[in-house]
Amino acid sequence: MKIERRWAFFRRLQYGLGFGAVWLVIFVLVYLSNFYTPPNCFDNRQNGDERGVDCGGPCSSVCAFDVQKPTVQWARSFRVTENQYNAVAYIVNKNRFAGSPALPYTISLYDSNGLITQRSGTTILPPDSVYPVFEARIDTKGRVPTQTIMTVGETDNWVQATGGRNQFTVQSRTLTGADSSPRLEAQIYNNMLTEAKEVEVVATIFDMQGNALTSSRTFIDNFAGQSSRTAVFTWPEPIAKTIRSCEVPTDVVLAIDVSGSMNNDGGNPPQPITSVLQAAGAFAQRMRDGDQAALLTFATQAVMLEPLTGNIAQVAREIAEISIDPAEERGTTNTGDALYTGMRELLSPRHNSEARKVMVLLTDGLATAPGENPESYALQAAQQVKQNDISLFTIGLGTQVNMEFITNLASSPKQAYRAVSSSQVDSIYRTITSEICEDGPAVIEIIPKTDAGFSAP
């Protein structure tokens, strides 16, 4: 009897376990089909093989704690037109395989009185290189920015990315119309097999010391894989004066004072005119292929002896033949007339539209003509010269010269020189030669960027 009861108990237990197992399977199936979600990169949880919440491991998003924060290499503002500036910053991304499709930033422009204005936005930041951020046509409300600061914001929006700077190759660069309508054309090749859309391309021109001089931006909407496209950059104002590379030619007007006081030091040949002419001739002979020179003298009035020409040897001969007219021994010095005459020549059809415009004026005295206020007349002329994008260098010779006047004539105080004696003139002309252009090519850096190489989140 006890054996039968024990057997019945185990049979009921088996039935119960089987029945429970069936319901457990049914429950699991219902749960899996209706309520369970496997670990993924969008569930706001750290699960599976993720290194963080929905990042790292199998996820395309990169964990913020695995990312080196971007840094700002430099930031500058460049004049576009009056009261408008482009602001450019270079951002360094040291992460080899991580980029951000929307990195927040703020660019702030300052002058000596403090903050002028700010711009905020987001930018694409591809991996493993330096990339530009460009803000166009910022209104500075009549103020001139002297400092530009870029700050990079925090973001968790980091994804796996490939390509970077290797995604595109710049095959050629051609700059034309530097002193009229600047235009830079660049041939760019897309090395990827896939199409890149909304490609932002920034061109920045540097001097030989690595200082950014100017910048421009363009866009390529659809850039097919393994194909070439032409990117065109333009500037609304001339940039020949901005780019000091000797690759950009120079048109220069030499204006030399031949009033009677220029032979007051006596001697045979007379001084200081003889030393001045020797130095001016040497200056002309240092000019390069592609440069042009013009020569004018001034006393009571200005005379154009040689219009702009590429025949530098002829200009040097004209300089050597200059002499002071005895009639000018008691004449006047019309500095303003010299400036207007030189300006007209640099704006004439003889000016090379590829060349920067330069005037170098040497005088040993005060402006004494025309009228009752000749210095004001000369300063007005100098203002017009500078407004026409002409770099004006001035040399004041002797101990009696009004250096405040000479400095105010020049394009900037550093472009005004004083020669106490004629022996210093050659050194000053040599300095001006190096100021006009520096040896070596301008560095034109063209950087395209796109999110075409980014993994989809």
Protein backbone atom coordinates (compact mmCIF):
# COMPACT_ATOMS: atom_id res chain seq x y z
CA MET A 1 0.00 0.00 0.00
CA LYS A 2 2.81 2.41 0.81
CA ILE A 3 4.54 1.59 -2.49
CA GLU A 4 1.36 2.42 -4.45
CA ARG A 5 1.04 5.82 -2.67
CA ARG A 6 4.69 6.66 -3.35
CA TRP A 7 4.29 5.79 -7.01
CA ALA A 8 1.11 7.91 -7.29
CA PHE A 9 2.92 10.88 -5.70
CA PHE A 10 5.77 10.73 -8.20
CA ARG A 11 3.35 10.39 -11.08
CA ARG A 12 1.46 13.50 -9.95
CA LEU A 13 4.80 15.30 -9.53
CA GLN A 14 5.83 14.39 -13.08
CA TYR A 15 2.49 15.59 -14.42
CA GLY A 16 2.87 18.84 -12.49
CA LEU A 17 6.40 19.45 -13.67
CA GLY A 18 5.48 18.71 -17.25
CA PHE A 19 2.49 21.01 -17.06
CA GLY A 20 4.65 23.75 -15.52
CA ALA A 21 7.34 23.29 -18.15
CA VAL A 22 4.74 23.70 -20.90
CA TRP A 23 3.50 26.95 -19.38
CA LEU A 24 7.08 28.17 -18.87
CA VAL A 25 7.84 27.58 -22.55
CA ILE A 26 4.63 29.36 -23.52
CA PHE A 27 5.53 32.30 -21.23
CA VAL A 28 9.06 32.54 -22.62
CA LEU A 29 7.80 32.44 -26.19
CA VAL A 30 5.20 35.12 -25.51
CA TYR A 31 7.80 37.31 -23.73
CA LEU A 32 10.40 36.92 -26.48
CA SER A 33 7.92 37.66 -29.22
CA ASN A 34 6.22 40.61 -27.54
CA PHE A 35 8.43 42.15 -24.88
CA TYR A 36 12.11 41.23 -25.28
CA THR A 37 14.50 43.46 -27.24
CA PRO A 38 18.03 42.15 -27.83
CA PRO A 39 20.94 44.44 -26.92
CA ASN A 40 21.50 47.11 -29.62
CA CYS A 41 23.15 50.49 -30.08
CA PHE A 42 19.95 52.48 -29.59
CA ASP A 43 18.45 51.23 -26.33
CA ASN A 44 20.07 53.81 -24.03
CA ARG A 45 21.68 51.02 -22.02
CA GLN A 46 25.18 49.61 -21.78
CA ASN A 47 24.75 45.96 -22.73
CA GLY A 48 26.19 43.37 -25.07
CA ASP A 49 29.81 44.15 -25.94
CA GLU A 50 29.40 47.95 -25.72
CA ARG A 51 32.12 49.98 -23.96
CA GLY A 52 29.60 52.57 -22.85
CA VAL A 53 25.95 53.42 -23.30
CA ASP A 54 25.27 52.71 -26.98
CA CYS A 55 28.90 53.34 -27.93
CA GLY A 56 32.05 51.35 -28.62
CA GLY A 57 32.26 47.65 -29.40
CA PRO A 58 29.82 46.78 -32.21
CA CYS A 59 28.32 50.31 -32.23
CA SER A 60 29.32 52.86 -34.84
CA SER A 61 29.18 55.61 -32.21
CA VAL A 62 32.49 56.12 -30.43
CA CYS A 63 32.48 56.58 -26.66
CA ALA A 64 33.39 60.13 -25.63
CA PHE A 65 35.86 58.80 -23.06
CA ASP A 66 37.78 57.09 -25.90
CA VAL A 67 38.13 60.35 -27.86
CA GLN A 68 40.91 62.96 -27.66
CA LYS A 69 39.30 66.38 -27.49
CA PRO A 70 39.90 68.53 -30.60
CA THR A 71 42.18 71.54 -30.22
CA VAL A 72 42.38 74.90 -32.00
CA GLN A 73 45.61 75.38 -33.99
CA TRP A 74 44.92 79.00 -34.95
CA ALA A 75 42.07 81.42 -35.69
CA ARG A 76 42.08 84.62 -37.75
CA SER A 77 39.74 87.07 -39.45
CA PHE A 78 40.24 88.41 -42.97
CA ARG A 79 38.66 91.50 -44.49
CA VAL A 80 36.17 90.76 -47.28
CA THR A 81 34.79 94.24 -47.90
CA GLU A 82 34.29 97.26 -45.68
CA ASN A 83 32.86 96.15 -42.30
CA GLN A 84 32.70 92.49 -43.36
CA TYR A 85 35.18 89.77 -42.42
CA ASN A 86 35.58 86.04 -42.93
CA ALA A 87 36.69 84.17 -39.82
CA VAL A 88 38.72 80.98 -40.20
CA ALA A 89 40.06 78.54 -37.61
CA TYR A 90 42.05 75.32 -37.97
CA ILE A 91 40.87 72.46 -35.73
CA VAL A 92 43.16 69.52 -34.92
CA ASN A 93 41.55 66.06 -34.63
CA LYS A 94 44.13 63.53 -33.40
CA ASN A 95 41.64 60.63 -33.37
CA ARG A 96 42.68 58.25 -36.11
CA PHE A 97 39.28 56.62 -36.75
CA ALA A 98 36.81 58.92 -35.01
CA GLY A 99 35.11 62.01 -36.39
CA SER A 100 32.14 64.17 -35.55
CA PRO A 101 29.39 65.06 -38.02
CA ALA A 102 28.32 67.99 -35.82
CA LEU A 103 31.03 69.50 -33.63
CA PRO A 104 29.78 72.67 -31.87
CA TYR A 105 31.95 75.80 -31.85
CA THR A 106 31.90 79.54 -31.22
CA ILE A 107 34.05 82.13 -33.00
CA SER A 108 34.52 85.49 -31.24
CA LEU A 109 35.98 88.66 -32.80
CA TYR A 110 37.62 91.31 -30.60
CA ASP A 111 39.27 94.70 -30.93
CA SER A 112 40.97 96.86 -28.28
CA ASN A 113 37.54 97.81 -26.89
CA GLY A 114 36.47 94.22 -26.34
CA LEU A 115 34.06 91.81 -28.01
CA ILE A 116 32.76 92.85 -31.43
CA THR A 117 30.54 89.87 -32.25
CA GLN A 118 30.24 86.09 -32.05
CA ARG A 119 29.16 83.28 -34.36
CA SER A 120 28.18 79.79 -33.20
CA GLY A 121 27.48 76.68 -35.22
CA THR A 122 28.46 73.08 -35.87
CA THR A 123 31.00 71.68 -38.29
CA ILE A 124 31.97 68.35 -39.78
CA LEU A 125 35.24 67.13 -38.28
CA PRO A 126 36.78 64.18 -40.18
CA PRO A 127 39.45 62.07 -38.47
CA ASP A 128 43.21 62.23 -38.08
CA SER A 129 44.27 65.67 -39.35
CA VAL A 130 43.68 69.44 -39.30
CA TYR A 131 40.49 70.90 -40.76
CA PRO A 132 39.22 74.46 -41.26
CA VAL A 133 36.10 76.04 -39.82
CA PHE A 134 34.88 78.96 -41.94
CA GLU A 135 32.39 81.65 -40.99
CA ALA A 136 31.58 83.98 -43.89
CA ARG A 137 30.80 87.70 -44.04
CA ILE A 138 30.65 88.63 -40.39
CA ASP A 139 29.40 92.19 -39.89
CA THR A 140 31.81 94.00 -37.57
CA LYS A 141 29.71 97.20 -37.37
CA GLY A 142 32.57 99.43 -38.47
CA ARG A 143 35.12 97.94 -36.06
CA VAL A 144 38.35 96.21 -37.13
CA PRO A 145 38.99 92.87 -35.41
CA THR A 146 42.48 92.46 -34.02
CA GLN A 147 41.93 89.11 -32.30
CA THR A 148 39.87 86.06 -33.25
CA ILE A 149 39.19 83.28 -30.75
CA MET A 150 37.65 79.88 -31.49
CA THR A 151 36.22 77.70 -28.71
CA VAL A 152 35.19 74.09 -29.32
CA GLY A 153 32.15 72.80 -27.47
CA GLU A 154 31.53 69.42 -25.86
CA THR A 155 29.82 66.66 -27.83
CA ASP A 156 29.06 62.96 -27.55
CA ASN A 157 28.41 62.80 -31.28
CA TRP A 158 31.48 60.82 -32.32
CA VAL A 159 31.33 58.06 -34.93
CA GLN A 160 33.73 55.77 -36.70
CA ALA A 161 35.12 57.47 -39.80
CA THR A 162 37.52 56.73 -42.62
CA GLY A 163 39.06 58.78 -45.38
CA GLY A 164 39.95 62.03 -43.67
CA ARG A 165 42.50 64.13 -45.57
CA ASN A 166 43.30 61.09 -47.77
CA GLN A 167 39.76 61.14 -49.14
CA PHE A 168 40.64 63.89 -51.65
CA THR A 169 43.74 64.88 -53.61
CA VAL A 170 44.36 68.43 -54.84
CA GLN A 171 45.89 67.98 -58.28
CA SER A 172 46.51 71.61 -59.30
CA ARG A 173 46.12 75.22 -58.16
CA THR A 174 45.96 78.31 -60.40
CA LEU A 175 45.65 81.86 -59.05
CA THR A 176 44.79 84.67 -61.50
CA GLY A 177 43.73 88.31 -61.34
CA ALA A 178 45.37 88.86 -57.96
CA ASP A 179 45.20 92.67 -58.31
CA SER A 180 41.84 92.93 -60.08
CA SER A 181 39.36 90.06 -59.62
CA PRO A 182 41.20 87.32 -57.72
CA ARG A 183 40.23 83.81 -58.79
CA LEU A 184 41.72 80.54 -57.59
CA GLU A 185 40.93 77.34 -59.48
CA ALA A 186 41.79 73.97 -57.96
CA GLN A 187 41.44 70.55 -59.55
CA ILE A 188 40.39 68.04 -56.86
CA TYR A 189 40.12 64.25 -57.14
CA ASN A 190 37.77 62.09 -55.02
CA ASN A 191 39.77 58.97 -54.13
CA MET A 192 36.76 57.08 -52.74
CA LEU A 193 34.56 54.72 -54.75
CA THR A 194 31.40 56.31 -53.39
CA GLU A 195 29.90 59.72 -54.06
CA ALA A 196 30.51 62.56 -51.61
CA LYS A 197 27.77 65.13 -51.15
CA GLU A 198 27.88 68.69 -49.82
CA VAL A 199 31.67 68.85 -49.86
CA GLU A 200 32.91 72.05 -48.20
CA VAL A 201 36.25 73.25 -49.59
CA VAL A 202 38.33 75.98 -47.92
CA ALA A 203 41.38 77.60 -49.54
CA THR A 204 43.87 79.46 -47.33
CA ILE A 205 46.96 81.30 -48.53
CA PHE A 206 49.98 81.42 -46.19
CA ASP A 207 53.27 83.30 -46.33
CA MET A 208 56.63 81.55 -46.01
CA GLN A 209 56.50 81.81 -42.20
CA GLY A 210 53.19 79.95 -42.09
CA ASN A 211 51.06 83.00 -41.33
CA ALA A 212 47.60 82.87 -42.88
CA LEU A 213 47.04 85.84 -45.22
CA THR A 214 43.58 85.30 -46.69
CA SER A 215 40.98 82.59 -47.18
CA SER A 216 37.96 81.70 -49.28
CA ARG A 217 35.36 78.92 -49.41
CA THR A 218 33.26 77.06 -51.96
CA PHE A 219 31.01 73.97 -52.08
CA ILE A 220 30.73 70.94 -54.35
CA ASP A 221 27.20 69.52 -54.04
CA ASN A 222 27.71 66.13 -55.67
CA PHE A 223 31.20 64.70 -56.09
CA ALA A 224 31.19 61.30 -57.82
CA GLY A 225 33.60 58.66 -56.61
CA GLN A 226 36.99 58.43 -58.34
CA SER A 227 36.38 61.58 -60.38
CA SER A 228 37.81 65.10 -60.65
CA ARG A 229 36.01 68.38 -60.06
CA THR A 230 37.11 72.00 -60.33
CA ALA A 231 36.66 74.13 -57.21
CA VAL A 232 36.58 77.90 -57.81
CA PHE A 233 37.39 80.45 -55.10
CA THR A 234 36.94 84.20 -55.52
CA TRP A 235 37.60 87.37 -53.53
CA PRO A 236 35.64 90.64 -53.89
CA GLU A 237 38.78 92.76 -53.43
CA PRO A 238 42.37 92.48 -54.77
CA ILE A 239 44.74 90.27 -52.78
CA ALA A 240 48.03 91.01 -54.62
CA LYS A 241 49.14 93.39 -51.87
CA THR A 242 48.24 90.83 -49.21
CA ILE A 243 50.34 88.05 -50.74
CA ARG A 244 54.00 89.02 -50.32
CA SER A 245 55.41 86.07 -52.25
CA CYS A 246 57.66 87.07 -55.13
CA GLU A 247 55.59 84.70 -57.27
CA VAL A 248 53.14 87.59 -57.47
CA PRO A 249 54.76 90.25 -59.70
CA THR A 250 55.11 93.91 -58.74
CA ASP A 251 54.40 97.13 -60.60
CA VAL A 252 56.36 99.90 -58.88
CA VAL A 253 56.56 103.65 -59.45
CA LEU A 254 59.78 105.28 -58.26
CA ALA A 255 59.16 108.94 -57.35
CA ILE A 256 62.34 110.97 -56.70
CA ASP A 257 62.55 114.52 -55.40
CA VAL A 258 64.73 116.67 -57.70
CA SER A 259 64.14 120.02 -56.02
CA GLY A 260 67.15 122.32 -55.64
CA SER A 261 67.91 121.17 -52.09
CA MET A 262 68.83 117.72 -53.37
CA ASN A 263 72.31 118.99 -54.28
CA ASN A 264 72.81 121.18 -51.22
CA ASP A 265 75.52 118.94 -49.80
CA GLY A 266 77.81 120.02 -52.65
CA GLY A 267 80.56 117.87 -54.04
CA ASN A 268 81.35 116.76 -57.55
CA PRO A 269 79.19 114.95 -58.43
CA PRO A 270 76.67 116.77 -56.24
CA GLN A 271 75.16 115.21 -53.14
CA PRO A 272 72.84 113.88 -51.92
CA ILE A 273 71.26 113.45 -55.38
CA THR A 274 74.14 111.32 -56.71
CA SER A 275 73.94 108.74 -53.93
CA VAL A 276 70.13 108.71 -54.17
CA LEU A 277 70.20 107.98 -57.89
CA GLN A 278 72.75 105.20 -57.46
CA ALA A 279 70.60 103.58 -54.77
CA ALA A 280 67.42 103.97 -56.82
CA GLY A 281 69.12 102.43 -59.86
CA ALA A 282 70.27 99.46 -57.81
CA PHE A 283 66.72 99.08 -56.46
CA ALA A 284 65.33 98.93 -60.00
CA GLN A 285 67.92 96.36 -61.07
CA ARG A 286 66.88 94.05 -58.22
CA MET A 287 63.41 93.71 -59.71
CA ARG A 288 62.44 90.31 -61.09
CA ASP A 289 61.12 88.85 -64.30
CA GLY A 290 57.46 89.80 -64.61
CA ASP A 291 57.88 93.02 -62.62
CA GLN A 292 57.36 96.46 -64.15
CA ALA A 293 58.78 99.83 -63.14
CA ALA A 294 57.97 103.46 -63.84
CA LEU A 295 60.03 106.55 -63.03
CA LEU A 296 58.90 110.05 -62.16
CA THR A 297 60.64 113.08 -60.72
CA PHE A 298 59.08 115.99 -58.90
CA ALA A 299 59.95 119.50 -57.86
CA THR A 300 57.60 122.36 -58.76
CA GLN A 301 55.63 119.76 -60.68
CA ALA A 302 55.83 116.02 -61.32
CA VAL A 303 57.17 114.62 -64.60
CA MET A 304 56.70 111.00 -65.73
CA LEU A 305 60.07 110.13 -67.28
CA GLU A 306 59.33 106.46 -67.98
CA PRO A 307 55.85 104.86 -67.87
CA LEU A 308 55.40 101.32 -66.58
CA THR A 309 57.59 98.94 -68.51
CA GLY A 310 59.14 95.53 -68.14
CA ASN A 311 62.38 96.91 -69.57
CA ILE A 312 64.05 97.43 -66.18
CA ALA A 313 67.41 98.19 -67.77
CA GLN A 314 65.85 101.15 -69.55
CA VAL A 315 64.43 102.45 -66.25
CA ALA A 316 67.87 102.11 -64.62
CA ARG A 317 69.42 104.13 -67.47
CA GLU A 318 66.78 106.84 -67.06
CA ILE A 319 67.58 107.05 -63.34
CA ALA A 320 71.28 107.44 -64.02
CA GLU A 321 70.60 110.37 -66.39
CA ILE A 322 68.51 112.40 -63.93
CA SER A 323 69.90 115.82 -63.08
CA ILE A 324 68.55 118.82 -61.19
CA ASP A 325 67.30 121.64 -63.36
CA PRO A 326 69.03 124.89 -62.32
CA ALA A 327 65.62 126.56 -62.51
CA GLU A 328 64.57 124.43 -59.53
CA GLU A 329 67.29 125.86 -57.27
CA ARG A 330 64.73 128.29 -55.97
CA GLY A 331 61.69 126.24 -56.88
CA THR A 332 59.15 124.35 -54.77
CA THR A 333 58.41 120.73 -53.85
CA ASN A 334 55.02 119.47 -55.04
CA THR A 335 54.74 116.12 -53.23
CA GLY A 336 51.00 115.85 -53.85
CA ASP A 337 51.45 116.16 -57.62
CA ALA A 338 54.00 113.33 -57.51
CA LEU A 339 51.54 111.08 -55.68
CA TYR A 340 48.68 111.79 -58.07
CA THR A 341 50.92 111.24 -61.11
CA GLY A 342 52.22 107.93 -59.79
CA MET A 343 48.71 106.78 -58.88
CA ARG A 344 47.37 107.51 -62.37
CA GLU A 345 50.18 105.44 -63.87
CA LEU A 346 49.47 102.46 -61.60
CA LEU A 347 45.77 102.64 -62.52
CA SER A 348 46.48 102.96 -66.25
CA PRO A 349 46.05 100.14 -68.81
CA ARG A 350 49.82 99.54 -68.53
CA HIS A 351 49.31 98.05 -65.05
CA ASN A 352 49.51 94.26 -64.96
CA SER A 353 46.30 92.96 -63.36
CA GLU A 354 48.30 90.06 -61.89
CA ALA A 355 50.73 92.41 -60.09
CA ARG A 356 50.64 94.27 -56.79
CA LYS A 357 50.83 98.08 -57.00
CA VAL A 358 53.67 99.86 -55.19
CA MET A 359 54.95 103.44 -55.04
CA VAL A 360 58.26 104.44 -53.44
CA LEU A 361 58.61 108.17 -52.85
CA LEU A 362 61.83 109.86 -51.70
CA THR A 363 62.02 113.48 -50.64
CA ASP A 364 64.44 115.59 -48.58
CA GLY A 365 62.17 118.43 -47.63
CA LEU A 366 58.73 119.73 -46.84
CA ALA A 367 55.88 119.93 -49.31
CA THR A 368 55.89 123.58 -50.43
CA ALA A 369 53.46 123.53 -53.37
CA PRO A 370 50.76 124.03 -54.46
CA GLY A 371 48.76 126.69 -52.68
CA GLU A 372 48.79 127.70 -49.06
CA ASN A 373 48.42 124.22 -47.56
CA PRO A 374 50.61 121.88 -49.64
CA GLU A 375 50.95 119.26 -46.91
CA SER A 376 47.16 118.82 -46.74
CA TYR A 377 47.10 118.50 -50.52
CA ALA A 378 49.79 115.81 -50.37
CA LEU A 379 48.02 113.95 -47.55
CA GLN A 380 44.78 113.94 -49.56
CA ALA A 381 46.69 112.53 -52.51
CA ALA A 382 48.25 109.86 -50.32
CA GLN A 383 44.82 108.89 -49.02
CA GLN A 384 43.59 108.33 -52.57
CA VAL A 385 46.70 106.32 -53.36
CA LYS A 386 46.00 104.00 -50.44
CA GLN A 387 42.29 103.74 -51.25
CA ASN A 388 43.29 102.37 -54.66
CA ASP A 389 45.12 99.49 -52.99
CA ILE A 390 48.59 100.90 -53.67
CA SER A 391 51.31 100.23 -51.12
CA LEU A 392 53.05 103.56 -50.50
CA PHE A 393 56.60 103.55 -49.10
CA THR A 394 58.14 106.90 -48.17
CA ILE A 395 61.76 107.88 -47.51
CA GLY A 396 62.56 111.14 -45.72
CA LEU A 397 66.15 112.24 -46.42
CA GLY A 398 68.18 114.55 -44.22
CA THR A 399 67.86 116.16 -40.83
CA GLN A 400 65.30 118.82 -41.76
CA VAL A 401 62.60 116.52 -43.12
CA ASN A 402 59.23 116.45 -41.33
CA MET A 403 59.03 112.78 -40.38
CA GLU A 404 55.49 113.09 -39.01
CA PHE A 405 54.39 114.18 -42.46
CA ILE A 406 56.45 111.44 -44.16
CA THR A 407 54.94 108.80 -41.85
CA ASN A 408 51.38 110.00 -42.44
CA LEU A 409 51.91 109.72 -46.18
CA ALA A 410 52.98 106.07 -46.01
CA SER A 411 50.56 103.13 -46.07
CA SER A 412 51.64 102.30 -42.52
CA PRO A 413 54.21 103.66 -40.07
CA LYS A 414 56.52 100.71 -40.76
CA GLN A 415 56.57 101.73 -44.44
CA ALA A 416 58.02 105.14 -43.65
CA TYR A 417 61.84 105.44 -43.42
CA ARG A 418 64.27 108.14 -42.43
CA ALA A 419 67.73 108.44 -43.95
CA VAL A 420 69.78 110.92 -41.95
CA SER A 421 72.44 110.86 -44.66
CA SER A 422 72.57 109.78 -48.30
CA SER A 423 74.75 106.82 -47.37
CA GLN A 424 71.72 105.19 -45.71
CA VAL A 425 69.48 105.39 -48.76
CA ASP A 426 70.74 102.21 -50.44
CA SER A 427 70.13 100.19 -47.26
CA ILE A 428 66.57 101.54 -47.05
CA TYR A 429 65.86 100.69 -50.69
CA ARG A 430 67.14 97.15 -49.99
CA THR A 431 64.79 96.89 -47.02
CA ILE A 432 61.87 98.00 -49.16
CA THR A 433 62.78 95.33 -51.73
CA SER A 434 62.41 92.65 -49.07
CA GLU A 435 59.22 94.25 -47.75
CA ILE A 436 57.56 94.20 -51.16
CA CYS A 437 58.05 90.47 -51.63
CA GLU A 438 59.69 87.56 -49.85
CA ASP A 439 61.60 84.78 -51.58
CA GLY A 440 59.77 81.52 -52.07
CA PRO A 441 56.27 80.65 -53.19
CA ALA A 442 53.08 81.45 -51.36
CA VAL A 443 51.61 78.33 -49.77
CA ILE A 444 48.06 77.69 -50.97
CA GLU A 445 46.38 75.03 -48.83
CA ILE A 446 43.08 73.60 -50.06
CA ILE A 447 41.15 71.32 -47.69
CA PRO A 448 37.88 69.58 -48.63
CA LYS A 449 35.76 67.97 -45.94
CA THR A 450 32.60 65.86 -45.98
CA ASP A 451 30.84 63.25 -43.87
CA ALA A 452 30.86 60.72 -46.74
CA GLY A 453 33.36 58.50 -44.89
CA PHE A 454 31.40 58.45 -41.64
CA SER A 455 29.66 55.28 -40.41
CA ALA A 456 25.90 55.60 -40.07
CA PRO A 457 24.90 55.73 -36.36
